[in-house]
Amino acid sequence: MPTDVITAVDETAANILLARSEAALGTRTAADSTSFGPFGLSWSASANLTGGVMSFVAPGTVAVDDIAVNYNLSLKLTLDLSFLDFCLPRICIPTPFGDLCTPKICLHFPTITVPLSFSGTAIVSADFGLSAALVSGDWVVSIVIQQVRKLDVGLAATALVTAIGAAVVAALAAVPFIGPLLALAAGVILAAFGVAALTGLLDDIVNLFLAGLSIELARRPQVVVLPANGPNDPPVPFTVTALAAEVQSTDEDELVLSADM
């Protein structure tokens, strides 16, 4: 005969589970590339989650506010400097024997690569749904992201523009003949990598880490064995045949797990 077992977790206990689950989730990685006008950028990143305050919204939403997404970026800028190419004007002097002209001299600037490392923290608030699933003989209760309500990269974009500016100027200084054109080149490049553009880039990077995010709150074996209680009371195995998770609101909001055994 099936037996129903019900257990409940309040928000205080759930936030303890959240902290443990974030630590168990560990570090996630992502990589991609994009372009900023004539310039390219490829990146790889790692990130981990810390903090956040969980609250229950009946019937099936778990809100988590102020999660810190701590990320480290390895950037590689590809800068095509061909916009600086120029040719010196030729000067010709007429003579009885024909014009004497200076040779045509043109300067062609290379494409250079600028590596850069950067780290920062984004603050995220999001809504999660509930999931209870049987995975390899264990019942796993997780929260699965549904929507991001707020994403704040803070002053990271401004700091990243500054870091890119310093790296670009240092790289340009090593290019022959570019001294008189240094300010022009740096200005054009930094206009492409502006604060607004890099804010969008950081938003996209953080969203990659959040996409499909599932945070495991609890894991229990499908078969539960009650221990023996003397020679005439042997161990008794129970099989959890179904598990459901929902938010219920009575005198307080709670995460309620209902099991059929």
C-alpha atoms as a PDB file:
ATOM      1  CA  MET A   1       0.000   0.000   0.000  1.00  0.00           C
ATOM      2  CA  PRO A   2       1.610   3.353  -0.977  1.00  0.00           C
ATOM      3  CA  THR A   3       2.511   5.653   1.885  1.00  0.00           C
ATOM      4  CA  ASP A   4       2.634   9.442   1.574  1.00  0.00           C
ATOM      5  CA  VAL A   5       5.490  11.195   3.354  1.00  0.00           C
ATOM      6  CA  ILE A   6       5.599  14.988   3.533  1.00  0.00           C
ATOM      7  CA  THR A   7       8.498  17.158   4.665  1.00  0.00           C
ATOM      8  CA  ALA A   8       8.890  20.930   4.588  1.00  0.00           C
ATOM      9  CA  VAL A   9      11.841  23.340   4.472  1.00  0.00           C
ATOM     10  CA  ASP A  10      11.523  26.973   5.500  1.00  0.00           C
ATOM     11  CA  GLU A  11      13.423  29.856   3.902  1.00  0.00           C
ATOM     12  CA  THR A  12      16.086  29.932   6.636  1.00  0.00           C
ATOM     13  CA  ALA A  13      16.998  26.271   6.045  1.00  0.00           C
ATOM     14  CA  ALA A  14      16.728  26.719   2.271  1.00  0.00           C
ATOM     15  CA  ASN A  15      19.320  29.499   2.311  1.00  0.00           C
ATOM     16  CA  ILE A  16      21.721  27.196   4.157  1.00  0.00           C
ATOM     17  CA  LEU A  17      21.147  24.604   1.417  1.00  0.00           C
ATOM     18  CA  LEU A  18      21.738  27.284  -1.235  1.00  0.00           C
ATOM     19  CA  ALA A  19      25.149  28.204   0.179  1.00  0.00           C
ATOM     20  CA  ARG A  20      26.187  24.548   0.286  1.00  0.00           C
ATOM     21  CA  SER A  21      24.883  23.937  -3.225  1.00  0.00           C
ATOM     22  CA  GLU A  22      26.777  26.904  -4.696  1.00  0.00           C
ATOM     23  CA  ALA A  23      30.000  25.558  -3.198  1.00  0.00           C
ATOM     24  CA  ALA A  24      29.259  22.098  -4.627  1.00  0.00           C
ATOM     25  CA  LEU A  25      28.445  23.595  -8.041  1.00  0.00           C
ATOM     26  CA  GLY A  26      32.058  24.747  -8.305  1.00  0.00           C
ATOM     27  CA  THR A  27      33.497  26.673 -11.222  1.00  0.00           C
ATOM     28  CA  ARG A  28      31.831  26.873 -14.635  1.00  0.00           C
ATOM     29  CA  THR A  29      33.620  27.777 -17.872  1.00  0.00           C
ATOM     30  CA  ALA A  30      32.647  29.375 -21.183  1.00  0.00           C
ATOM     31  CA  ALA A  31      34.362  30.773 -24.279  1.00  0.00           C
ATOM     32  CA  ASP A  32      33.362  32.723 -27.379  1.00  0.00           C
ATOM     33  CA  SER A  33      34.473  35.435 -29.782  1.00  0.00           C
ATOM     34  CA  THR A  34      32.956  38.639 -31.165  1.00  0.00           C
ATOM     35  CA  SER A  35      33.915  41.718 -33.155  1.00  0.00           C
ATOM     36  CA  PHE A  36      33.960  45.428 -32.487  1.00  0.00           C
ATOM     37  CA  GLY A  37      34.031  47.073 -35.898  1.00  0.00           C
ATOM     38  CA  PRO A  38      37.347  46.169 -37.554  1.00  0.00           C
ATOM     39  CA  PHE A  39      38.685  44.673 -34.326  1.00  0.00           C
ATOM     40  CA  GLY A  40      38.162  41.187 -32.949  1.00  0.00           C
ATOM     41  CA  LEU A  41      37.960  39.813 -29.441  1.00  0.00           C
ATOM     42  CA  SER A  42      38.072  36.209 -28.297  1.00  0.00           C
ATOM     43  CA  TRP A  43      37.688  35.239 -24.672  1.00  0.00           C
ATOM     44  CA  SER A  44      37.541  32.381 -22.248  1.00  0.00           C
ATOM     45  CA  ALA A  45      36.045  32.763 -18.813  1.00  0.00           C
ATOM     46  CA  SER A  46      35.465  30.906 -15.576  1.00  0.00           C
ATOM     47  CA  ALA A  47      32.941  31.811 -12.899  1.00  0.00           C
ATOM     48  CA  ASN A  48      31.494  30.640  -9.627  1.00  0.00           C
ATOM     49  CA  LEU A  49      28.380  31.645  -7.692  1.00  0.00           C
ATOM     50  CA  THR A  50      28.316  32.884  -4.104  1.00  0.00           C
ATOM     51  CA  GLY A  51      25.767  34.521  -1.835  1.00  0.00           C
ATOM     52  CA  GLY A  52      22.183  35.273  -2.693  1.00  0.00           C
ATOM     53  CA  VAL A  53      18.996  35.307  -0.635  1.00  0.00           C
ATOM     54  CA  MET A  54      16.322  32.734  -1.441  1.00  0.00           C
ATOM     55  CA  SER A  55      12.609  33.359  -0.920  1.00  0.00           C
ATOM     56  CA  PHE A  56       9.583  31.262  -1.838  1.00  0.00           C
ATOM     57  CA  VAL A  57       6.761  32.529  -4.033  1.00  0.00           C
ATOM     58  CA  ALA A  58       3.771  30.169  -4.127  1.00  0.00           C
ATOM     59  CA  PRO A  59       2.950  27.989  -5.916  1.00  0.00           C
ATOM     60  CA  GLY A  60       6.135  27.105  -7.785  1.00  0.00           C
ATOM     61  CA  THR A  61       8.664  29.928  -7.915  1.00  0.00           C
ATOM     62  CA  VAL A  62      11.870  30.310  -5.936  1.00  0.00           C
ATOM     63  CA  ALA A  63      13.267  33.851  -6.078  1.00  0.00           C
ATOM     64  CA  VAL A  64      16.981  34.292  -5.453  1.00  0.00           C
ATOM     65  CA  ASP A  65      18.221  37.865  -5.109  1.00  0.00           C
ATOM     66  CA  ASP A  66      21.746  39.267  -5.160  1.00  0.00           C
ATOM     67  CA  ILE A  67      23.674  36.241  -6.339  1.00  0.00           C
ATOM     68  CA  ALA A  68      27.325  37.147  -6.924  1.00  0.00           C
ATOM     69  CA  VAL A  69      28.738  35.789 -10.203  1.00  0.00           C
ATOM     70  CA  ASN A  70      32.510  36.007  -9.713  1.00  0.00           C
ATOM     71  CA  TYR A  71      34.263  35.714 -13.069  1.00  0.00           C
ATOM     72  CA  ASN A  72      37.775  35.676 -14.497  1.00  0.00           C
ATOM     73  CA  LEU A  73      38.329  36.582 -18.149  1.00  0.00           C
ATOM     74  CA  SER A  74      41.215  35.862 -20.483  1.00  0.00           C
ATOM     75  CA  LEU A  75      40.850  38.196 -23.455  1.00  0.00           C
ATOM     76  CA  LYS A  76      42.705  38.311 -26.771  1.00  0.00           C
ATOM     77  CA  LEU A  77      42.220  41.464 -28.832  1.00  0.00           C
ATOM     78  CA  THR A  78      42.994  41.330 -32.544  1.00  0.00           C
ATOM     79  CA  LEU A  79      43.689  44.846 -33.796  1.00  0.00           C
ATOM     80  CA  ASP A  80      43.860  45.465 -37.539  1.00  0.00           C
ATOM     81  CA  LEU A  81      45.930  48.654 -37.869  1.00  0.00           C
ATOM     82  CA  SER A  82      45.497  48.980 -41.619  1.00  0.00           C
ATOM     83  CA  PHE A  83      43.407  52.123 -41.052  1.00  0.00           C
ATOM     84  CA  LEU A  84      46.746  53.824 -40.304  1.00  0.00           C
ATOM     85  CA  ASP A  85      48.283  52.915 -43.661  1.00  0.00           C
ATOM     86  CA  PHE A  86      49.489  55.925 -45.639  1.00  0.00           C
ATOM     87  CA  CYS A  87      51.773  56.912 -48.485  1.00  0.00           C
ATOM     88  CA  LEU A  88      54.106  59.930 -48.513  1.00  0.00           C
ATOM     89  CA  PRO A  89      53.258  62.340 -51.329  1.00  0.00           C
ATOM     90  CA  ARG A  90      55.722  62.315 -54.228  1.00  0.00           C
ATOM     91  CA  ILE A  91      57.511  65.530 -55.047  1.00  0.00           C
ATOM     92  CA  CYS A  92      58.595  66.164 -58.628  1.00  0.00           C
ATOM     93  CA  ILE A  93      61.006  68.834 -59.883  1.00  0.00           C
ATOM     94  CA  PRO A  94      60.970  69.646 -63.613  1.00  0.00           C
ATOM     95  CA  THR A  95      64.360  69.652 -65.332  1.00  0.00           C
ATOM     96  CA  PRO A  96      65.474  69.945 -68.955  1.00  0.00           C
ATOM     97  CA  PHE A  97      65.959  66.219 -68.855  1.00  0.00           C
ATOM     98  CA  GLY A  98      62.477  65.463 -67.483  1.00  0.00           C
ATOM     99  CA  ASP A  99      60.914  65.413 -64.036  1.00  0.00           C
ATOM    100  CA  LEU A 100      62.938  64.203 -61.090  1.00  0.00           C
ATOM    101  CA  CYS A 101      60.568  62.676 -58.525  1.00  0.00           C
ATOM    102  CA  THR A 102      60.986  61.300 -55.074  1.00  0.00           C
ATOM    103  CA  PRO A 103      60.189  57.584 -54.785  1.00  0.00           C
ATOM    104  CA  LYS A 104      56.764  56.450 -53.638  1.00  0.00           C
ATOM    105  CA  ILE A 105      56.996  55.497 -49.973  1.00  0.00           C
ATOM    106  CA  CYS A 106      54.055  53.772 -48.272  1.00  0.00           C
ATOM    107  CA  LEU A 107      53.758  52.520 -44.717  1.00  0.00           C
ATOM    108  CA  HIS A 108      51.552  49.482 -44.009  1.00  0.00           C
ATOM    109  CA  PHE A 109      50.738  48.647 -40.415  1.00  0.00           C
ATOM    110  CA  PRO A 110      50.250  45.087 -39.187  1.00  0.00           C
ATOM    111  CA  THR A 111      47.495  43.274 -37.354  1.00  0.00           C
ATOM    112  CA  ILE A 112      48.575  42.833 -33.731  1.00  0.00           C
ATOM    113  CA  THR A 113      47.262  40.671 -30.900  1.00  0.00           C
ATOM    114  CA  VAL A 114      46.887  42.059 -27.383  1.00  0.00           C
ATOM    115  CA  PRO A 115      46.308  39.595 -24.493  1.00  0.00           C
ATOM    116  CA  LEU A 116      44.583  40.784 -21.329  1.00  0.00           C
ATOM    117  CA  SER A 117      43.301  39.253 -18.093  1.00  0.00           C
ATOM    118  CA  PHE A 118      40.406  40.728 -16.154  1.00  0.00           C
ATOM    119  CA  SER A 119      38.204  39.728 -13.214  1.00  0.00           C
ATOM    120  CA  GLY A 120      35.021  41.125 -11.735  1.00  0.00           C
ATOM    121  CA  THR A 121      31.705  40.372 -10.038  1.00  0.00           C
ATOM    122  CA  ALA A 122      28.176  40.730 -11.402  1.00  0.00           C
ATOM    123  CA  ILE A 123      25.143  40.827  -9.122  1.00  0.00           C
ATOM    124  CA  VAL A 124      22.137  38.860 -10.362  1.00  0.00           C
ATOM    125  CA  SER A 125      18.544  38.402  -9.219  1.00  0.00           C
ATOM    126  CA  ALA A 126      16.559  35.628 -10.871  1.00  0.00           C
ATOM    127  CA  ASP A 127      13.464  33.449 -10.613  1.00  0.00           C
ATOM    128  CA  PHE A 128      13.803  29.664 -10.499  1.00  0.00           C
ATOM    129  CA  GLY A 129      11.374  26.803 -10.928  1.00  0.00           C
ATOM    130  CA  LEU A 130      11.374  23.567  -8.936  1.00  0.00           C
ATOM    131  CA  SER A 131      12.455  20.176 -10.214  1.00  0.00           C
ATOM    132  CA  ALA A 132      12.303  16.728  -8.581  1.00  0.00           C
ATOM    133  CA  ALA A 133      13.817  14.009 -10.741  1.00  0.00           C
ATOM    134  CA  LEU A 134      15.145  10.471 -10.389  1.00  0.00           C
ATOM    135  CA  VAL A 135      18.823  10.488 -11.416  1.00  0.00           C
ATOM    136  CA  SER A 136      20.931   7.299 -11.305  1.00  0.00           C
ATOM    137  CA  GLY A 137      19.034   5.848  -8.372  1.00  0.00           C
ATOM    138  CA  ASP A 138      18.788   9.107  -6.419  1.00  0.00           C
ATOM    139  CA  TRP A 139      15.930  11.584  -6.092  1.00  0.00           C
ATOM    140  CA  VAL A 140      17.348  15.036  -6.814  1.00  0.00           C
ATOM    141  CA  VAL A 141      15.564  18.251  -5.877  1.00  0.00           C
ATOM    142  CA  SER A 142      16.850  21.285  -7.797  1.00  0.00           C
ATOM    143  CA  ILE A 143      15.944  24.828  -8.656  1.00  0.00           C
ATOM    144  CA  VAL A 144      16.168  25.628 -12.380  1.00  0.00           C
ATOM    145  CA  ILE A 145      16.502  29.176 -13.684  1.00  0.00           C
ATOM    146  CA  GLN A 146      13.473  30.626 -15.493  1.00  0.00           C
ATOM    147  CA  GLN A 147      14.282  34.306 -15.919  1.00  0.00           C
ATOM    148  CA  VAL A 148      16.884  36.891 -14.909  1.00  0.00           C
ATOM    149  CA  ARG A 149      15.163  39.875 -13.303  1.00  0.00           C
ATOM    150  CA  LYS A 150      18.261  42.006 -12.728  1.00  0.00           C
ATOM    151  CA  LEU A 151      21.869  41.872 -13.886  1.00  0.00           C
ATOM    152  CA  ASP A 152      24.336  44.500 -12.673  1.00  0.00           C
ATOM    153  CA  VAL A 153      27.980  44.422 -13.744  1.00  0.00           C
ATOM    154  CA  GLY A 154      28.675  47.558 -11.687  1.00  0.00           C
ATOM    155  CA  LEU A 155      31.740  49.530 -12.693  1.00  0.00           C
ATOM    156  CA  ALA A 156      33.417  46.542 -14.329  1.00  0.00           C
ATOM    157  CA  ALA A 157      32.895  47.831 -17.879  1.00  0.00           C
ATOM    158  CA  THR A 158      34.594  51.134 -17.075  1.00  0.00           C
ATOM    159  CA  ALA A 159      37.496  49.295 -15.440  1.00  0.00           C
ATOM    160  CA  LEU A 160      37.759  46.986 -18.454  1.00  0.00           C
ATOM    161  CA  VAL A 161      37.919  49.953 -20.859  1.00  0.00           C
ATOM    162  CA  THR A 162      40.765  51.382 -18.763  1.00  0.00           C
ATOM    163  CA  ALA A 163      42.595  48.036 -18.768  1.00  0.00           C
ATOM    164  CA  ILE A 164      42.166  47.664 -22.535  1.00  0.00           C
ATOM    165  CA  GLY A 165      43.425  51.223 -23.042  1.00  0.00           C
ATOM    166  CA  ALA A 166      46.599  50.559 -21.081  1.00  0.00           C
ATOM    167  CA  ALA A 167      47.217  47.241 -22.884  1.00  0.00           C
ATOM    168  CA  VAL A 168      46.577  48.788 -26.318  1.00  0.00           C
ATOM    169  CA  VAL A 169      48.882  51.756 -25.759  1.00  0.00           C
ATOM    170  CA  ALA A 170      51.654  49.431 -24.566  1.00  0.00           C
ATOM    171  CA  ALA A 171      51.211  47.208 -27.636  1.00  0.00           C
ATOM    172  CA  LEU A 172      51.108  50.152 -30.046  1.00  0.00           C
ATOM    173  CA  ALA A 173      54.272  51.634 -28.588  1.00  0.00           C
ATOM    174  CA  ALA A 174      56.149  48.574 -29.861  1.00  0.00           C
ATOM    175  CA  VAL A 175      54.986  49.076 -33.477  1.00  0.00           C
ATOM    176  CA  PRO A 176      57.638  50.880 -35.589  1.00  0.00           C
ATOM    177  CA  PHE A 177      56.824  54.351 -36.978  1.00  0.00           C
ATOM    178  CA  ILE A 178      53.559  54.611 -35.051  1.00  0.00           C
ATOM    179  CA  GLY A 179      54.724  57.221 -32.538  1.00  0.00           C
ATOM    180  CA  PRO A 180      53.118  60.255 -34.245  1.00  0.00           C
ATOM    181  CA  LEU A 181      49.935  58.238 -34.835  1.00  0.00           C
ATOM    182  CA  LEU A 182      49.724  56.712 -31.354  1.00  0.00           C
ATOM    183  CA  ALA A 183      46.970  58.988 -30.037  1.00  0.00           C
ATOM    184  CA  LEU A 184      44.892  58.552 -33.208  1.00  0.00           C
ATOM    185  CA  ALA A 185      45.199  54.758 -33.121  1.00  0.00           C
ATOM    186  CA  ALA A 186      44.391  54.511 -29.419  1.00  0.00           C
ATOM    187  CA  GLY A 187      41.398  56.821 -29.821  1.00  0.00           C
ATOM    188  CA  VAL A 188      39.902  54.806 -32.674  1.00  0.00           C
ATOM    189  CA  ILE A 189      40.415  51.507 -30.857  1.00  0.00           C
ATOM    190  CA  LEU A 190      38.991  52.679 -27.525  1.00  0.00           C
ATOM    191  CA  ALA A 191      35.975  54.184 -29.301  1.00  0.00           C
ATOM    192  CA  ALA A 192      35.181  50.667 -30.532  1.00  0.00           C
ATOM    193  CA  PHE A 193      35.700  49.149 -27.089  1.00  0.00           C
ATOM    194  CA  GLY A 194      33.524  51.734 -25.316  1.00  0.00           C
ATOM    195  CA  VAL A 195      31.798  51.414 -21.945  1.00  0.00           C
ATOM    196  CA  ALA A 196      28.396  50.685 -23.502  1.00  0.00           C
ATOM    197  CA  ALA A 197      29.831  48.008 -25.803  1.00  0.00           C
ATOM    198  CA  LEU A 198      31.731  46.294 -22.994  1.00  0.00           C
ATOM    199  CA  THR A 199      28.725  46.470 -20.648  1.00  0.00           C
ATOM    200  CA  GLY A 200      26.817  44.519 -23.288  1.00  0.00           C
ATOM    201  CA  LEU A 201      29.696  42.060 -23.630  1.00  0.00           C
ATOM    202  CA  LEU A 202      29.878  41.446 -19.865  1.00  0.00           C
ATOM    203  CA  ASP A 203      26.098  41.022 -19.708  1.00  0.00           C
ATOM    204  CA  ASP A 204      26.317  38.408 -22.469  1.00  0.00           C
ATOM    205  CA  ILE A 205      29.153  36.567 -20.723  1.00  0.00           C
ATOM    206  CA  VAL A 206      27.322  36.423 -17.383  1.00  0.00           C
ATOM    207  CA  ASN A 207      24.129  35.263 -19.120  1.00  0.00           C
ATOM    208  CA  LEU A 208      26.081  32.363 -20.645  1.00  0.00           C
ATOM    209  CA  PHE A 209      26.875  31.145 -17.139  1.00  0.00           C
ATOM    210  CA  LEU A 210      23.232  31.544 -16.101  1.00  0.00           C
ATOM    211  CA  ALA A 211      21.645  29.867 -19.136  1.00  0.00           C
ATOM    212  CA  GLY A 212      20.124  26.545 -18.099  1.00  0.00           C
ATOM    213  CA  LEU A 213      21.508  26.941 -14.579  1.00  0.00           C
ATOM    214  CA  SER A 214      20.324  24.192 -12.242  1.00  0.00           C
ATOM    215  CA  ILE A 215      21.261  24.301  -8.550  1.00  0.00           C
ATOM    216  CA  GLU A 216      20.872  21.031  -6.698  1.00  0.00           C
ATOM    217  CA  LEU A 217      19.399  21.539  -3.225  1.00  0.00           C
ATOM    218  CA  ALA A 218      19.045  17.945  -2.020  1.00  0.00           C
ATOM    219  CA  ARG A 219      19.838  14.385  -3.124  1.00  0.00           C
ATOM    220  CA  ARG A 220      18.457  11.274  -1.462  1.00  0.00           C
ATOM    221  CA  PRO A 221      18.584   7.586  -2.491  1.00  0.00           C
ATOM    222  CA  GLN A 222      15.448   6.100  -4.016  1.00  0.00           C
ATOM    223  CA  VAL A 223      15.643   3.138  -1.682  1.00  0.00           C
ATOM    224  CA  VAL A 224      15.610   4.091   2.002  1.00  0.00           C
ATOM    225  CA  VAL A 225      16.442   1.415   4.571  1.00  0.00           C
ATOM    226  CA  LEU A 226      15.103   1.788   8.077  1.00  0.00           C
ATOM    227  CA  PRO A 227      17.712   0.341  10.452  1.00  0.00           C
ATOM    228  CA  ALA A 228      17.128  -2.770  12.502  1.00  0.00           C
ATOM    229  CA  ASN A 229      15.693  -2.357  15.978  1.00  0.00           C
ATOM    230  CA  GLY A 230      16.628  -5.615  17.611  1.00  0.00           C
ATOM    231  CA  PRO A 231      16.765  -9.246  16.449  1.00  0.00           C
ATOM    232  CA  ASN A 232      13.018  -9.435  15.887  1.00  0.00           C
ATOM    233  CA  ASP A 233      12.837  -6.136  13.968  1.00  0.00           C
ATOM    234  CA  PRO A 234      15.100  -6.432  10.882  1.00  0.00           C
ATOM    235  CA  PRO A 235      16.016  -3.575   8.499  1.00  0.00           C
ATOM    236  CA  VAL A 236      13.093  -2.520   6.345  1.00  0.00           C
ATOM    237  CA  PRO A 237      13.683  -1.104   2.833  1.00  0.00           C
ATOM    238  CA  PHE A 238      11.286   1.495   1.419  1.00  0.00           C
ATOM    239  CA  THR A 239      11.288   2.578  -2.223  1.00  0.00           C
ATOM    240  CA  VAL A 240      10.378   6.174  -3.019  1.00  0.00           C
ATOM    241  CA  THR A 241       8.262   5.726  -6.146  1.00  0.00           C
ATOM    242  CA  ALA A 242       7.414   9.408  -6.688  1.00  0.00           C
ATOM    243  CA  LEU A 243       8.594  12.755  -5.362  1.00  0.00           C
ATOM    244  CA  ALA A 244       7.004  16.173  -5.881  1.00  0.00           C
ATOM    245  CA  ALA A 245       8.270  19.620  -4.858  1.00  0.00           C
ATOM    246  CA  GLU A 246       6.178  22.760  -4.517  1.00  0.00           C
ATOM    247  CA  VAL A 247       6.004  26.014  -2.586  1.00  0.00           C
ATOM    248  CA  GLN A 248       3.143  26.237  -0.113  1.00  0.00           C
ATOM    249  CA  SER A 249       2.058  29.317   1.766  1.00  0.00           C
ATOM    250  CA  THR A 250       0.330  28.974   5.154  1.00  0.00           C
ATOM    251  CA  ASP A 251       1.562  30.935   8.152  1.00  0.00           C
ATOM    252  CA  GLU A 252       4.914  31.032   6.303  1.00  0.00           C
ATOM    253  CA  ASP A 253       6.197  30.117   2.852  1.00  0.00           C
ATOM    254  CA  GLU A 254       7.798  26.688   2.730  1.00  0.00           C
ATOM    255  CA  LEU A 255       9.286  24.304   0.209  1.00  0.00           C
ATOM    256  CA  VAL A 256       7.234  21.118   0.595  1.00  0.00           C
ATOM    257  CA  LEU A 257       8.372  17.698  -0.622  1.00  0.00           C
ATOM    258  CA  SER A 258       5.756  14.935  -0.999  1.00  0.00           C
ATOM    259  CA  ALA A 259       6.952  11.357  -1.442  1.00  0.00           C
ATOM    260  CA  ASP A 260       5.096   8.167  -2.315  1.00  0.00           C
ATOM    261  CA  MET A 261       6.742   5.122  -0.723  1.00  0.00           C
END
